Amino acid sequence: MKKLITFSAWVLVSMKLFAQDCTLYYYLQKNKTIEMSTFDEKGIFIRKSVSTVSNVLTSNNRVPATVVSEVFDNN
């Protein structure tokens, strides 16, 4: 029983130590712009997506963000 309690405590502590800090994720940083381009197999441009993070809130271990995306094609 003592081994089970020790193991359970170790697991809980290790989960807390390795928890993710979402504020470092680039989609969750205010005023960041992410641009992704798509090309076909010949290297010809197909489309581009530009996403801008306009608002980020942090409360109660949650980090909701408002992301505005625009998509452009080759025309």
N, C-alpha and C. Protein backbone atom coordinates (compact mmCIF):
# COMPACT_ATOMS: atom_id res chain seq x y z
N MET A 1 0.83 -1.20 0.00
CA MET A 1 0.00 0.00 0.00
C MET A 1 0.87 1.27 0.00
N LYS A 2 1.97 1.19 0.76
CA LYS A 2 2.86 2.35 0.84
C LYS A 2 3.48 2.64 -0.52
N LYS A 3 3.82 1.59 -1.28
CA LYS A 3 4.39 1.78 -2.61
C LYS A 3 3.38 2.42 -3.56
N LEU A 4 2.12 2.03 -3.44
CA LEU A 4 1.07 2.59 -4.29
C LEU A 4 0.89 4.08 -4.02
N ILE A 5 0.89 4.45 -2.76
CA ILE A 5 0.73 5.86 -2.40
C ILE A 5 1.94 6.66 -2.88
N THR A 6 3.13 6.13 -2.70
CA THR A 6 4.34 6.81 -3.16
C THR A 6 4.33 6.98 -4.67
N PHE A 7 3.98 5.93 -5.38
CA PHE A 7 3.92 6.00 -6.84
C PHE A 7 2.88 7.02 -7.30
N SER A 8 1.70 7.02 -6.68
CA SER A 8 0.64 7.97 -7.03
C SER A 8 1.09 9.40 -6.79
N ALA A 9 1.75 9.64 -5.68
CA ALA A 9 2.24 10.99 -5.38
C ALA A 9 3.29 11.41 -6.40
N TRP A 10 4.17 10.49 -6.79
CA TRP A 10 5.20 10.79 -7.78
C TRP A 10 4.58 11.15 -9.12
N VAL A 11 3.55 10.41 -9.52
CA VAL A 11 2.87 10.67 -10.79
C VAL A 11 2.21 12.05 -10.76
N LEU A 12 1.53 12.38 -9.68
CA LEU A 12 0.86 13.68 -9.58
C LEU A 12 1.87 14.83 -9.61
N VAL A 13 2.98 14.68 -8.92
CA VAL A 13 4.00 15.74 -8.91
C VAL A 13 4.63 15.88 -10.28
N SER A 14 4.93 14.77 -10.94
CA SER A 14 5.55 14.86 -12.26
C SER A 14 4.60 15.46 -13.29
N MET A 15 3.30 15.21 -13.16
CA MET A 15 2.33 15.82 -14.09
C MET A 15 2.33 17.33 -13.93
N LYS A 16 2.43 17.81 -12.71
CA LYS A 16 2.45 19.24 -12.47
C LYS A 16 3.75 19.87 -12.97
N LEU A 17 4.86 19.18 -12.81
CA LEU A 17 6.15 19.72 -13.25
C LEU A 17 6.24 19.85 -14.76
N PHE A 18 5.62 18.94 -15.48
CA PHE A 18 5.72 18.93 -16.94
C PHE A 18 4.48 19.52 -17.61
N ALA A 19 3.69 20.28 -16.89
CA ALA A 19 2.50 20.91 -17.47
C ALA A 19 2.93 21.94 -18.51
N GLN A 20 2.10 22.12 -19.51
CA GLN A 20 2.43 23.05 -20.58
C GLN A 20 2.11 24.48 -20.17
N ASP A 21 2.94 25.40 -20.60
CA ASP A 21 2.69 26.82 -20.41
C ASP A 21 2.21 27.36 -21.75
N CYS A 22 0.90 27.47 -21.90
CA CYS A 22 0.31 27.84 -23.19
C CYS A 22 0.61 29.28 -23.60
N THR A 23 1.03 30.12 -22.67
CA THR A 23 1.30 31.52 -23.03
C THR A 23 2.51 31.65 -23.93
N LEU A 24 3.34 30.61 -24.00
CA LEU A 24 4.52 30.65 -24.86
C LEU A 24 4.21 30.19 -26.28
N TYR A 25 3.06 29.60 -26.50
CA TYR A 25 2.67 29.11 -27.81
C TYR A 25 2.40 30.31 -28.71
N TYR A 26 2.96 30.35 -29.92
CA TYR A 26 2.90 31.56 -30.75
C TYR A 26 1.49 31.95 -31.17
N TYR A 27 0.55 31.01 -31.20
CA TYR A 27 -0.83 31.38 -31.51
C TYR A 27 -1.50 32.05 -30.31
N LEU A 28 -0.86 32.06 -29.17
CA LEU A 28 -1.45 32.65 -27.98
C LEU A 28 -0.66 33.86 -27.48
N GLN A 29 -0.02 34.57 -28.37
CA GLN A 29 0.68 35.80 -28.02
C GLN A 29 0.04 36.95 -28.79
N LYS A 30 -0.39 37.96 -28.05
CA LYS A 30 -1.12 39.08 -28.65
C LYS A 30 -0.29 39.80 -29.71
N ASN A 31 -0.96 40.19 -30.79
CA ASN A 31 -0.39 40.94 -31.92
C ASN A 31 0.64 40.14 -32.73
N LYS A 32 0.61 38.83 -32.65
CA LYS A 32 1.47 37.99 -33.48
C LYS A 32 0.76 37.72 -34.80
N THR A 33 1.53 37.63 -35.87
CA THR A 33 1.00 37.31 -37.19
C THR A 33 1.65 36.05 -37.71
N ILE A 34 0.83 35.12 -38.15
CA ILE A 34 1.31 33.85 -38.67
C ILE A 34 0.89 33.77 -40.13
N GLU A 35 1.85 33.55 -41.03
CA GLU A 35 1.57 33.46 -42.45
C GLU A 35 1.97 32.08 -42.96
N MET A 36 1.05 31.42 -43.65
CA MET A 36 1.32 30.11 -44.23
C MET A 36 0.99 30.14 -45.71
N SER A 37 1.91 29.68 -46.53
CA SER A 37 1.71 29.64 -47.97
C SER A 37 1.64 28.19 -48.44
N THR A 38 0.84 27.95 -49.47
CA THR A 38 0.69 26.62 -50.04
C THR A 38 1.14 26.66 -51.50
N PHE A 39 1.95 25.65 -51.88
CA PHE A 39 2.45 25.53 -53.24
C PHE A 39 2.11 24.14 -53.76
N ASP A 40 1.95 24.03 -55.08
CA ASP A 40 1.71 22.70 -55.66
C ASP A 40 3.03 21.96 -55.83
N GLU A 41 2.97 20.76 -56.40
CA GLU A 41 4.18 19.94 -56.56
C GLU A 41 5.20 20.55 -57.50
N LYS A 42 4.80 21.50 -58.34
CA LYS A 42 5.72 22.17 -59.26
C LYS A 42 6.30 23.44 -58.65
N GLY A 43 5.88 23.77 -57.43
CA GLY A 43 6.38 24.96 -56.76
C GLY A 43 5.62 26.22 -57.09
N ILE A 44 4.45 26.08 -57.71
CA ILE A 44 3.64 27.24 -58.08
C ILE A 44 2.73 27.59 -56.90
N PHE A 45 2.69 28.90 -56.58
CA PHE A 45 1.89 29.40 -55.48
C PHE A 45 0.40 29.10 -55.69
N ILE A 46 -0.26 28.61 -54.64
CA ILE A 46 -1.69 28.32 -54.71
C ILE A 46 -2.49 29.27 -53.83
N ARG A 47 -2.11 29.34 -52.54
CA ARG A 47 -2.85 30.21 -51.62
C ARG A 47 -1.97 30.60 -50.44
N LYS A 48 -2.41 31.66 -49.74
CA LYS A 48 -1.71 32.14 -48.55
C LYS A 48 -2.75 32.41 -47.47
N SER A 49 -2.45 32.03 -46.25
CA SER A 49 -3.31 32.30 -45.11
C SER A 49 -2.55 33.17 -44.12
N VAL A 50 -3.14 34.30 -43.73
CA VAL A 50 -2.52 35.21 -42.77
C VAL A 50 -3.44 35.27 -41.55
N SER A 51 -2.91 34.85 -40.40
CA SER A 51 -3.68 34.85 -39.15
C SER A 51 -3.04 35.82 -38.18
N THR A 52 -3.87 36.66 -37.54
CA THR A 52 -3.39 37.64 -36.57
C THR A 52 -4.11 37.41 -35.25
N VAL A 53 -3.35 37.30 -34.17
CA VAL A 53 -3.92 37.13 -32.83
C VAL A 53 -4.26 38.52 -32.32
N SER A 54 -5.55 38.80 -32.13
CA SER A 54 -5.96 40.14 -31.75
C SER A 54 -6.24 40.30 -30.26
N ASN A 55 -6.52 39.20 -29.56
CA ASN A 55 -6.84 39.31 -28.14
C ASN A 55 -6.51 37.99 -27.46
N VAL A 56 -5.90 38.07 -26.28
CA VAL A 56 -5.58 36.88 -25.49
C VAL A 56 -5.94 37.17 -24.04
N LEU A 57 -6.68 36.27 -23.42
CA LEU A 57 -7.04 36.38 -22.01
C LEU A 57 -6.49 35.17 -21.28
N THR A 58 -6.01 35.37 -20.06
CA THR A 58 -5.52 34.25 -19.25
C THR A 58 -6.25 34.28 -17.92
N SER A 59 -6.99 33.22 -17.61
CA SER A 59 -7.68 33.12 -16.33
C SER A 59 -8.04 31.68 -16.04
N ASN A 60 -7.89 31.29 -14.81
CA ASN A 60 -8.28 29.95 -14.34
C ASN A 60 -7.69 28.84 -15.20
N ASN A 61 -6.38 28.93 -15.49
CA ASN A 61 -5.68 27.91 -16.28
C ASN A 61 -6.23 27.74 -17.68
N ARG A 62 -6.89 28.76 -18.21
CA ARG A 62 -7.41 28.74 -19.58
C ARG A 62 -6.85 29.94 -20.31
N VAL A 63 -6.58 29.77 -21.60
CA VAL A 63 -6.03 30.85 -22.40
C VAL A 63 -6.80 30.95 -23.72
N PRO A 64 -7.98 31.57 -23.69
CA PRO A 64 -8.70 31.76 -24.96
C PRO A 64 -8.09 32.91 -25.76
N ALA A 65 -8.12 32.79 -27.07
CA ALA A 65 -7.55 33.82 -27.94
C ALA A 65 -8.49 34.09 -29.11
N THR A 66 -8.48 35.31 -29.59
CA THR A 66 -9.23 35.70 -30.77
C THR A 66 -8.25 35.79 -31.93
N VAL A 67 -8.50 34.99 -32.96
CA VAL A 67 -7.61 34.95 -34.12
C VAL A 67 -8.41 35.33 -35.36
N VAL A 68 -7.90 36.32 -36.10
CA VAL A 68 -8.53 36.75 -37.34
C VAL A 68 -7.70 36.20 -38.49
N SER A 69 -8.34 35.47 -39.40
CA SER A 69 -7.62 34.86 -40.52
C SER A 69 -8.14 35.38 -41.85
N GLU A 70 -7.20 35.59 -42.78
CA GLU A 70 -7.52 35.97 -44.15
C GLU A 70 -6.85 34.96 -45.06
N VAL A 71 -7.57 34.56 -46.10
CA VAL A 71 -7.04 33.59 -47.07
C VAL A 71 -7.02 34.25 -48.43
N PHE A 72 -5.87 34.15 -49.11
CA PHE A 72 -5.69 34.73 -50.44
C PHE A 72 -5.32 33.61 -51.39
N ASP A 73 -5.85 33.65 -52.62
CA ASP A 73 -5.45 32.66 -53.63
C ASP A 73 -4.58 33.34 -54.67
N ASN A 74 -4.17 32.61 -55.70
CA ASN A 74 -3.24 33.15 -56.68
C ASN A 74 -3.88 34.16 -57.64
N ASN A 75 -5.17 34.38 -57.53
CA ASN A 75 -5.82 35.40 -58.36
C ASN A 75 -5.93 36.69 -57.59
